[in-house]
Amino acid sequence: LTANSRIVVTPGARFSLTGWAKLMQPGGVQLAAVGYAGGQVVSWSVGGARSSAVGSWQELVATVTVPAPVDTLVVRWTGNGPTDACLDEVALTPLP
């Protein structure tokens, strides 16, 4: 995945959203899937995971179930307030 990846999906599809986060200072981060329909945001977090652990890499894992009318997912990485953090190895993997 890249920062601009748009993944075409169908309602009911399930995915595993994973990534590794490392915070350098207190705060928090969230890795989430944003749901779009017809090019417009319909949900800022279809599914996601958070971390607030400082100083070591933490795996973020979430199950994403695509709701109607979502037709596209975009992965979003956000911090809570001023946050110094790294993100690596982000993947959105289809589930059976």
PDB file of N, CA and C in Angstrom:
ATOM      1  N   LEU A   1       0.833  -1.193   0.000  1.00  0.00           N
ATOM      2  CA  LEU A   1       0.000   0.000   0.000  1.00  0.00           C
ATOM      3  C   LEU A   1       0.870   1.247   0.000  1.00  0.00           C
ATOM      4  N   THR A   2       0.390   2.290  -0.654  1.00  0.00           N
ATOM      5  CA  THR A   2       1.028   3.597  -0.574  1.00  0.00           C
ATOM      6  C   THR A   2       0.047   4.556   0.097  1.00  0.00           C
ATOM      7  N   ALA A   3       0.522   5.752   0.377  1.00  0.00           N
ATOM      8  CA  ALA A   3      -0.324   6.744   1.046  1.00  0.00           C
ATOM      9  C   ALA A   3      -1.543   7.116   0.205  1.00  0.00           C
ATOM     10  N   ASN A   4      -1.480   6.907  -1.103  1.00  0.00           N
ATOM     11  CA  ASN A   4      -2.589   7.290  -1.979  1.00  0.00           C
ATOM     12  C   ASN A   4      -3.368   6.106  -2.528  1.00  0.00           C
ATOM     13  N   SER A   5      -3.123   4.911  -2.008  1.00  0.00           N
ATOM     14  CA  SER A   5      -3.809   3.718  -2.523  1.00  0.00           C
ATOM     15  C   SER A   5      -5.305   3.783  -2.257  1.00  0.00           C
ATOM     16  N   ARG A   6      -6.078   3.523  -3.318  1.00  0.00           N
ATOM     17  CA  ARG A   6      -7.525   3.400  -3.202  1.00  0.00           C
ATOM     18  C   ARG A   6      -7.866   1.972  -3.601  1.00  0.00           C
ATOM     19  N   ILE A   7      -8.543   1.256  -2.702  1.00  0.00           N
ATOM     20  CA  ILE A   7      -8.843  -0.148  -2.924  1.00  0.00           C
ATOM     21  C   ILE A   7     -10.333  -0.292  -3.214  1.00  0.00           C
ATOM     22  N   VAL A   8     -10.670  -0.783  -4.400  1.00  0.00           N
ATOM     23  CA  VAL A   8     -12.070  -0.989  -4.780  1.00  0.00           C
ATOM     24  C   VAL A   8     -12.578  -2.233  -4.049  1.00  0.00           C
ATOM     25  N   VAL A   9     -13.738  -2.090  -3.388  1.00  0.00           N
ATOM     26  CA  VAL A   9     -14.294  -3.167  -2.560  1.00  0.00           C
ATOM     27  C   VAL A   9     -15.794  -3.314  -2.821  1.00  0.00           C
ATOM     28  N   THR A  10     -16.359  -4.390  -2.278  1.00  0.00           N
ATOM     29  CA  THR A  10     -17.806  -4.592  -2.327  1.00  0.00           C
ATOM     30  C   THR A  10     -18.318  -4.742  -0.898  1.00  0.00           C
ATOM     31  N   PRO A  11     -19.528  -4.268  -0.621  1.00  0.00           N
ATOM     32  CA  PRO A  11     -20.092  -4.425   0.720  1.00  0.00           C
ATOM     33  C   PRO A  11     -20.096  -5.893   1.147  1.00  0.00           C
ATOM     34  N   GLY A  12     -19.752  -6.119   2.410  1.00  0.00           N
ATOM     35  CA  GLY A  12     -19.685  -7.463   2.959  1.00  0.00           C
ATOM     36  C   GLY A  12     -18.297  -8.067   2.922  1.00  0.00           C
ATOM     37  N   ALA A  13     -17.409  -7.524   2.088  1.00  0.00           N
ATOM     38  CA  ALA A  13     -16.033  -8.030   2.024  1.00  0.00           C
ATOM     39  C   ALA A  13     -15.335  -7.768   3.356  1.00  0.00           C
ATOM     40  N   ARG A  14     -14.429  -8.692   3.710  1.00  0.00           N
ATOM     41  CA  ARG A  14     -13.688  -8.553   4.973  1.00  0.00           C
ATOM     42  C   ARG A  14     -12.190  -8.531   4.687  1.00  0.00           C
ATOM     43  N   PHE A  15     -11.486  -7.693   5.468  1.00  0.00           N
ATOM     44  CA  PHE A  15     -10.046  -7.532   5.309  1.00  0.00           C
ATOM     45  C   PHE A  15      -9.372  -7.505   6.670  1.00  0.00           C
ATOM     46  N   SER A  16      -8.103  -7.878   6.677  1.00  0.00           N
ATOM     47  CA  SER A  16      -7.252  -7.673   7.847  1.00  0.00           C
ATOM     48  C   SER A  16      -6.389  -6.456   7.544  1.00  0.00           C
ATOM     49  N   LEU A  17      -6.453  -5.453   8.404  1.00  0.00           N
ATOM     50  CA  LEU A  17      -5.638  -4.248   8.282  1.00  0.00           C
ATOM     51  C   LEU A  17      -4.542  -4.339   9.328  1.00  0.00           C
ATOM     52  N   THR A  18      -3.284  -4.338   8.882  1.00  0.00           N
ATOM     53  CA  THR A  18      -2.164  -4.479   9.811  1.00  0.00           C
ATOM     54  C   THR A  18      -1.085  -3.453   9.520  1.00  0.00           C
ATOM     55  N   GLY A  19      -0.288  -3.182  10.526  1.00  0.00           N
ATOM     56  CA  GLY A  19       0.860  -2.299  10.388  1.00  0.00           C
ATOM     57  C   GLY A  19       1.624  -2.269  11.698  1.00  0.00           C
ATOM     58  N   TRP A  20       2.812  -1.712  11.663  1.00  0.00           N
ATOM     59  CA  TRP A  20       3.648  -1.581  12.858  1.00  0.00           C
ATOM     60  C   TRP A  20       3.852  -0.104  13.152  1.00  0.00           C
ATOM     61  N   ALA A  21       3.646   0.288  14.411  1.00  0.00           N
ATOM     62  CA  ALA A  21       3.773   1.686  14.823  1.00  0.00           C
ATOM     63  C   ALA A  21       4.779   1.813  15.958  1.00  0.00           C
ATOM     64  N   LYS A  22       5.515   2.924  15.937  1.00  0.00           N
ATOM     65  CA  LYS A  22       6.448   3.227  17.024  1.00  0.00           C
ATOM     66  C   LYS A  22       6.300   4.704  17.372  1.00  0.00           C
ATOM     67  N   LEU A  23       5.932   4.972  18.625  1.00  0.00           N
ATOM     68  CA  LEU A  23       5.804   6.343  19.104  1.00  0.00           C
ATOM     69  C   LEU A  23       7.094   6.754  19.800  1.00  0.00           C
ATOM     70  N   MET A  24       7.572   7.964  19.512  1.00  0.00           N
ATOM     71  CA  MET A  24       8.775   8.477  20.146  1.00  0.00           C
ATOM     72  C   MET A  24       8.480   9.311  21.391  1.00  0.00           C
ATOM     73  N   GLN A  25       7.219   9.679  21.576  1.00  0.00           N
ATOM     74  CA  GLN A  25       6.810  10.499  22.721  1.00  0.00           C
ATOM     75  C   GLN A  25       5.386  10.103  23.095  1.00  0.00           C
ATOM     76  N   PRO A  26       4.928  10.439  24.301  1.00  0.00           N
ATOM     77  CA  PRO A  26       3.555  10.104  24.698  1.00  0.00           C
ATOM     78  C   PRO A  26       2.536  10.695  23.717  1.00  0.00           C
ATOM     79  N   GLY A  27       1.498   9.964  23.507  1.00  0.00           N
ATOM     80  CA  GLY A  27       0.437  10.363  22.586  1.00  0.00           C
ATOM     81  C   GLY A  27      -0.303   9.125  22.151  1.00  0.00           C
ATOM     82  N   GLY A  28      -0.692   9.090  20.927  1.00  0.00           N
ATOM     83  CA  GLY A  28      -1.376   7.922  20.404  1.00  0.00           C
ATOM     84  C   GLY A  28      -1.493   8.019  18.901  1.00  0.00           C
ATOM     85  N   VAL A  29      -1.645   6.867  18.258  1.00  0.00           N
ATOM     86  CA  VAL A  29      -1.826   6.816  16.815  1.00  0.00           C
ATOM     87  C   VAL A  29      -2.944   5.834  16.482  1.00  0.00           C
ATOM     88  N   GLN A  30      -3.536   6.025  15.318  1.00  0.00           N
ATOM     89  CA  GLN A  30      -4.570   5.113  14.844  1.00  0.00           C
ATOM     90  C   GLN A  30      -4.326   4.807  13.377  1.00  0.00           C
ATOM     91  N   LEU A  31      -4.451   3.537  13.035  1.00  0.00           N
ATOM     92  CA  LEU A  31      -4.434   3.066  11.658  1.00  0.00           C
ATOM     93  C   LEU A  31      -5.867   2.638  11.357  1.00  0.00           C
ATOM     94  N   ALA A  32      -6.472   3.223  10.338  1.00  0.00           N
ATOM     95  CA  ALA A  32      -7.885   2.940  10.070  1.00  0.00           C
ATOM     96  C   ALA A  32      -8.148   2.874   8.576  1.00  0.00           C
ATOM     97  N   ALA A  33      -9.258   2.255   8.211  1.00  0.00           N
ATOM     98  CA  ALA A  33      -9.723   2.222   6.828  1.00  0.00           C
ATOM     99  C   ALA A  33     -10.878   3.210   6.706  1.00  0.00           C
ATOM    100  N   VAL A  34     -10.743   4.154   5.785  1.00  0.00           N
ATOM    101  CA  VAL A  34     -11.786   5.141   5.520  1.00  0.00           C
ATOM    102  C   VAL A  34     -12.653   4.615   4.381  1.00  0.00           C
ATOM    103  N   GLY A  35     -13.972   4.653   4.555  1.00  0.00           N
ATOM    104  CA  GLY A  35     -14.899   4.163   3.539  1.00  0.00           C
ATOM    105  C   GLY A  35     -15.440   5.284   2.668  1.00  0.00           C
ATOM    106  N   TYR A  36     -15.372   5.080   1.346  1.00  0.00           N
ATOM    107  CA  TYR A  36     -15.896   6.032   0.369  1.00  0.00           C
ATOM    108  C   TYR A  36     -17.003   5.376  -0.439  1.00  0.00           C
ATOM    109  N   ALA A  37     -17.957   6.177  -0.878  1.00  0.00           N
ATOM    110  CA  ALA A  37     -18.994   5.733  -1.813  1.00  0.00           C
ATOM    111  C   ALA A  37     -19.160   6.834  -2.850  1.00  0.00           C
ATOM    112  N   GLY A  38     -18.974   6.493  -4.112  1.00  0.00           N
ATOM    113  CA  GLY A  38     -19.097   7.496  -5.165  1.00  0.00           C
ATOM    114  C   GLY A  38     -18.134   8.649  -5.001  1.00  0.00           C
ATOM    115  N   GLY A  39     -16.971   8.408  -4.430  1.00  0.00           N
ATOM    116  CA  GLY A  39     -15.955   9.442  -4.262  1.00  0.00           C
ATOM    117  C   GLY A  39     -16.110  10.295  -3.017  1.00  0.00           C
ATOM    118  N   GLN A  40     -17.147  10.067  -2.212  1.00  0.00           N
ATOM    119  CA  GLN A  40     -17.394  10.838  -0.997  1.00  0.00           C
ATOM    120  C   GLN A  40     -17.173   9.974   0.244  1.00  0.00           C
ATOM    121  N   VAL A  41     -16.586  10.565   1.287  1.00  0.00           N
ATOM    122  CA  VAL A  41     -16.387   9.839   2.542  1.00  0.00           C
ATOM    123  C   VAL A  41     -17.743   9.543   3.178  1.00  0.00           C
ATOM    124  N   VAL A  42     -17.968   8.272   3.535  1.00  0.00           N
ATOM    125  CA  VAL A  42     -19.184   7.907   4.264  1.00  0.00           C
ATOM    126  C   VAL A  42     -18.855   7.402   5.667  1.00  0.00           C
ATOM    127  N   SER A  43     -17.588   7.026   5.900  1.00  0.00           N
ATOM    128  CA  SER A  43     -17.162   6.605   7.240  1.00  0.00           C
ATOM    129  C   SER A  43     -15.667   6.846   7.385  1.00  0.00           C
ATOM    130  N   TRP A  44     -15.285   7.612   8.419  1.00  0.00           N
ATOM    131  CA  TRP A  44     -13.865   7.881   8.662  1.00  0.00           C
ATOM    132  C   TRP A  44     -13.154   6.673   9.248  1.00  0.00           C
ATOM    133  N   SER A  45     -13.873   5.701   9.780  1.00  0.00           N
ATOM    134  CA  SER A  45     -13.232   4.498  10.315  1.00  0.00           C
ATOM    135  C   SER A  45     -14.152   3.291  10.177  1.00  0.00           C
ATOM    136  N   VAL A  46     -13.970   2.563   9.079  1.00  0.00           N
ATOM    137  CA  VAL A  46     -14.715   1.325   8.864  1.00  0.00           C
ATOM    138  C   VAL A  46     -14.185   0.260   9.816  1.00  0.00           C
ATOM    139  N   GLY A  47     -12.925   0.372  10.167  1.00  0.00           N
ATOM    140  CA  GLY A  47     -12.268  -0.518  11.127  1.00  0.00           C
ATOM    141  C   GLY A  47     -10.871   0.002  11.358  1.00  0.00           C
ATOM    142  N   GLY A  48     -10.346  -0.166  12.559  1.00  0.00           N
ATOM    143  CA  GLY A  48      -9.008   0.343  12.821  1.00  0.00           C
ATOM    144  C   GLY A  48      -8.458  -0.142  14.139  1.00  0.00           C
ATOM    145  N   ALA A  49      -7.204   0.232  14.386  1.00  0.00           N
ATOM    146  CA  ALA A  49      -6.514  -0.151  15.618  1.00  0.00           C
ATOM    147  C   ALA A  49      -5.698   1.032  16.114  1.00  0.00           C
ATOM    148  N   ARG A  50      -5.504   1.082  17.440  1.00  0.00           N
ATOM    149  CA  ARG A  50      -4.782   2.191  18.076  1.00  0.00           C
ATOM    150  C   ARG A  50      -3.607   1.679  18.887  1.00  0.00           C
ATOM    151  N   SER A  51      -2.636   2.570  19.111  1.00  0.00           N
ATOM    152  CA  SER A  51      -1.521   2.270  20.010  1.00  0.00           C
ATOM    153  C   SER A  51      -1.128   3.544  20.738  1.00  0.00           C
ATOM    154  N   SER A  52      -0.747   3.392  21.997  1.00  0.00           N
ATOM    155  CA  SER A  52      -0.219   4.524  22.762  1.00  0.00           C
ATOM    156  C   SER A  52       1.094   4.142  23.442  1.00  0.00           C
ATOM    157  N   ALA A  53       1.643   2.971  23.099  1.00  0.00           N
ATOM    158  CA  ALA A  53       2.905   2.514  23.693  1.00  0.00           C
ATOM    159  C   ALA A  53       4.066   3.325  23.117  1.00  0.00           C
ATOM    160  N   VAL A  54       4.942   3.791  23.981  1.00  0.00           N
ATOM    161  CA  VAL A  54       6.073   4.626  23.572  1.00  0.00           C
ATOM    162  C   VAL A  54       7.361   3.806  23.568  1.00  0.00           C
ATOM    163  N   GLY A  55       8.179   4.018  22.527  1.00  0.00           N
ATOM    164  CA  GLY A  55       9.541   3.504  22.530  1.00  0.00           C
ATOM    165  C   GLY A  55       9.787   2.163  21.887  1.00  0.00           C
ATOM    166  N   SER A  56       8.754   1.398  21.573  1.00  0.00           N
ATOM    167  CA  SER A  56       8.984   0.107  20.920  1.00  0.00           C
ATOM    168  C   SER A  56       7.933  -0.091  19.828  1.00  0.00           C
ATOM    169  N   TRP A  57       8.269  -0.918  18.871  1.00  0.00           N
ATOM    170  CA  TRP A  57       7.339  -1.206  17.786  1.00  0.00           C
ATOM    171  C   TRP A  57       6.169  -2.029  18.302  1.00  0.00           C
ATOM    172  N   GLN A  58       4.959  -1.626  17.941  1.00  0.00           N
ATOM    173  CA  GLN A  58       3.734  -2.323  18.330  1.00  0.00           C
ATOM    174  C   GLN A  58       2.975  -2.696  17.062  1.00  0.00           C
ATOM    175  N   GLU A  59       2.513  -3.936  16.996  1.00  0.00           N
ATOM    176  CA  GLU A  59       1.722  -4.337  15.840  1.00  0.00           C
ATOM    177  C   GLU A  59       0.278  -3.874  16.017  1.00  0.00           C
ATOM    178  N   LEU A  60      -0.248  -3.250  14.980  1.00  0.00           N
ATOM    179  CA  LEU A  60      -1.647  -2.825  14.954  1.00  0.00           C
ATOM    180  C   LEU A  60      -2.397  -3.800  14.048  1.00  0.00           C
ATOM    181  N   VAL A  61      -3.487  -4.363  14.550  1.00  0.00           N
ATOM    182  CA  VAL A  61      -4.263  -5.345  13.789  1.00  0.00           C
ATOM    183  C   VAL A  61      -5.743  -5.023  13.943  1.00  0.00           C
ATOM    184  N   ALA A  62      -6.449  -4.964  12.831  1.00  0.00           N
ATOM    185  CA  ALA A  62      -7.896  -4.720  12.866  1.00  0.00           C
ATOM    186  C   ALA A  62      -8.568  -5.533  11.772  1.00  0.00           C
ATOM    187  N   THR A  63      -9.798  -5.934  12.025  1.00  0.00           N
ATOM    188  CA  THR A  63     -10.617  -6.561  10.996  1.00  0.00           C
ATOM    189  C   THR A  63     -11.561  -5.502  10.444  1.00  0.00           C
ATOM    190  N   VAL A  64     -11.582  -5.389   9.129  1.00  0.00           N
ATOM    191  CA  VAL A  64     -12.429  -4.415   8.445  1.00  0.00           C
ATOM    192  C   VAL A  64     -13.526  -5.179   7.709  1.00  0.00           C
ATOM    193  N   THR A  65     -14.781  -4.863   8.013  1.00  0.00           N
ATOM    194  CA  THR A  65     -15.918  -5.415   7.274  1.00  0.00           C
ATOM    195  C   THR A  65     -16.566  -4.259   6.526  1.00  0.00           C
ATOM    196  N   VAL A  66     -16.603  -4.353   5.223  1.00  0.00           N
ATOM    197  CA  VAL A  66     -17.075  -3.249   4.383  1.00  0.00           C
ATOM    198  C   VAL A  66     -18.596  -3.127   4.476  1.00  0.00           C
ATOM    199  N   PRO A  67     -19.093  -1.966   4.949  1.00  0.00           N
ATOM    200  CA  PRO A  67     -20.546  -1.763   5.017  1.00  0.00           C
ATOM    201  C   PRO A  67     -21.084  -1.195   3.692  1.00  0.00           C
ATOM    202  N   ALA A  68     -22.377  -1.371   3.445  1.00  0.00           N
ATOM    203  CA  ALA A  68     -23.024  -0.695   2.313  1.00  0.00           C
ATOM    204  C   ALA A  68     -23.121   0.780   2.687  1.00  0.00           C
ATOM    205  N   PRO A  69     -22.954   1.706   1.811  1.00  0.00           N
ATOM    206  CA  PRO A  69     -22.742   1.608   0.379  1.00  0.00           C
ATOM    207  C   PRO A  69     -21.269   1.764  -0.031  1.00  0.00           C
ATOM    208  N   VAL A  70     -20.335   1.465   0.853  1.00  0.00           N
ATOM    209  CA  VAL A  70     -18.907   1.696   0.591  1.00  0.00           C
ATOM    210  C   VAL A  70     -18.445   0.907  -0.636  1.00  0.00           C
ATOM    211  N   ASP A  71     -17.717   1.620  -1.553  1.00  0.00           N
ATOM    212  CA  ASP A  71     -17.169   0.971  -2.742  1.00  0.00           C
ATOM    213  C   ASP A  71     -15.651   1.102  -2.844  1.00  0.00           C
ATOM    214  N   THR A  72     -15.056   1.903  -1.939  1.00  0.00           N
ATOM    215  CA  THR A  72     -13.610   2.126  -1.960  1.00  0.00           C
ATOM    216  C   THR A  72     -13.103   2.311  -0.539  1.00  0.00           C
ATOM    217  N   LEU A  73     -11.921   1.752  -0.258  1.00  0.00           N
ATOM    218  CA  LEU A  73     -11.258   1.969   1.029  1.00  0.00           C
ATOM    219  C   LEU A  73      -9.939   2.699   0.808  1.00  0.00           C
ATOM    220  N   VAL A  74      -9.611   3.575   1.751  1.00  0.00           N
ATOM    221  CA  VAL A  74      -8.316   4.249   1.803  1.00  0.00           C
ATOM    222  C   VAL A  74      -7.799   4.081   3.222  1.00  0.00           C
ATOM    223  N   VAL A  75      -6.542   3.695   3.364  1.00  0.00           N
ATOM    224  CA  VAL A  75      -5.960   3.535   4.697  1.00  0.00           C
ATOM    225  C   VAL A  75      -5.516   4.900   5.202  1.00  0.00           C
ATOM    226  N   ARG A  76      -5.854   5.187   6.453  1.00  0.00           N
ATOM    227  CA  ARG A  76      -5.570   6.488   7.071  1.00  0.00           C
ATOM    228  C   ARG A  76      -4.764   6.278   8.345  1.00  0.00           C
ATOM    229  N   TRP A  77      -3.763   7.116   8.566  1.00  0.00           N
ATOM    230  CA  TRP A  77      -2.862   7.078   9.712  1.00  0.00           C
ATOM    231  C   TRP A  77      -2.975   8.421  10.406  1.00  0.00           C
ATOM    232  N   THR A  78      -3.408   8.444  11.659  1.00  0.00           N
ATOM    233  CA  THR A  78      -3.576   9.707  12.376  1.00  0.00           C
ATOM    234  C   THR A  78      -2.928   9.634  13.748  1.00  0.00           C
ATOM    235  N   GLY A  79      -2.594  10.811  14.273  1.00  0.00           N
ATOM    236  CA  GLY A  79      -2.039  10.916  15.619  1.00  0.00           C
ATOM    237  C   GLY A  79      -2.986  11.693  16.511  1.00  0.00           C
ATOM    238  N   ASN A  80      -2.883  11.454  17.808  1.00  0.00           N
ATOM    239  CA  ASN A  80      -3.680  12.193  18.790  1.00  0.00           C
ATOM    240  C   ASN A  80      -2.853  13.371  19.276  1.00  0.00           C
ATOM    241  N   GLY A  81      -3.159  14.556  18.782  1.00  0.00           N
ATOM    242  CA  GLY A  81      -2.380  15.727  19.156  1.00  0.00           C
ATOM    243  C   GLY A  81      -1.011  15.679  18.506  1.00  0.00           C
ATOM    244  N   PRO A  82      -0.074  16.502  19.023  1.00  0.00           N
ATOM    245  CA  PRO A  82       1.275  16.479  18.458  1.00  0.00           C
ATOM    246  C   PRO A  82       1.940  15.137  18.771  1.00  0.00           C
ATOM    247  N   THR A  83       2.212  14.367  17.741  1.00  0.00           N
ATOM    248  CA  THR A  83       2.760  13.029  17.928  1.00  0.00           C
ATOM    249  C   THR A  83       3.937  12.815  16.994  1.00  0.00           C
ATOM    250  N   ASP A  84       5.013  12.281  17.536  1.00  0.00           N
ATOM    251  CA  ASP A  84       6.183  11.898  16.753  1.00  0.00           C
ATOM    252  C   ASP A  84       6.158  10.378  16.673  1.00  0.00           C
ATOM    253  N   ALA A  85       5.853   9.839  15.485  1.00  0.00           N
ATOM    254  CA  ALA A  85       5.672   8.393  15.358  1.00  0.00           C
ATOM    255  C   ALA A  85       6.098   7.914  13.977  1.00  0.00           C
ATOM    256  N   CYS A  86       6.367   6.621  13.884  1.00  0.00           N
ATOM    257  CA  CYS A  86       6.707   5.963  12.618  1.00  0.00           C
ATOM    258  C   CYS A  86       5.691   4.862  12.342  1.00  0.00           C
ATOM    259  N   LEU A  87       5.479   4.589  11.064  1.00  0.00           N
ATOM    260  CA  LEU A  87       4.579   3.522  10.639  1.00  0.00           C
ATOM    261  C   LEU A  87       5.294   2.707   9.577  1.00  0.00           C
ATOM    262  N   ASP A  88       5.162   1.374   9.636  1.00  0.00           N
ATOM    263  CA  ASP A  88       5.847   0.513   8.681  1.00  0.00           C
ATOM    264  C   ASP A  88       4.989  -0.718   8.372  1.00  0.00           C
ATOM    265  N   GLU A  89       5.258  -1.321   7.236  1.00  0.00           N
ATOM    266  CA  GLU A  89       4.668  -2.601   6.836  1.00  0.00           C
ATOM    267  C   GLU A  89       3.136  -2.628   6.912  1.00  0.00           C
ATOM    268  N   VAL A  90       2.511  -1.620   6.334  1.00  0.00           N
ATOM    269  CA  VAL A  90       1.046  -1.562   6.319  1.00  0.00           C
ATOM    270  C   VAL A  90       0.511  -2.503   5.238  1.00  0.00           C
ATOM    271  N   ALA A  91      -0.512  -3.277   5.599  1.00  0.00           N
ATOM    272  CA  ALA A  91      -1.120  -4.200   4.634  1.00  0.00           C
ATOM    273  C   ALA A  91      -2.626  -4.274   4.857  1.00  0.00           C
ATOM    274  N   LEU A  92      -3.345  -4.408   3.765  1.00  0.00           N
ATOM    275  CA  LEU A  92      -4.787  -4.649   3.795  1.00  0.00           C
ATOM    276  C   LEU A  92      -5.004  -5.948   3.020  1.00  0.00           C
ATOM    277  N   THR A  93      -5.284  -7.030   3.753  1.00  0.00           N
ATOM    278  CA  THR A  93      -5.325  -8.374   3.183  1.00  0.00           C
ATOM    279  C   THR A  93      -6.752  -8.918   3.193  1.00  0.00           C
ATOM    280  N   PRO A  94      -7.255  -9.390   2.044  1.00  0.00           N
ATOM    281  CA  PRO A  94      -8.608  -9.965   2.019  1.00  0.00           C
ATOM    282  C   PRO A  94      -8.710 -11.192   2.924  1.00  0.00           C
ATOM    283  N   LEU A  95      -9.843 -11.323   3.602  1.00  0.00           N
ATOM    284  CA  LEU A  95     -10.123 -12.494   4.437  1.00  0.00           C
ATOM    285  C   LEU A  95     -11.159 -13.359   3.734  1.00  0.00           C
ATOM    286  N   PRO A  96     -11.128 -14.670   3.992  1.00  0.00           N
ATOM    287  CA  PRO A  96     -12.116 -15.559   3.355  1.00  0.00           C
ATOM    288  C   PRO A  96     -13.520 -15.298   3.877  1.00  0.00           C
TER     289      PRO A  96
END
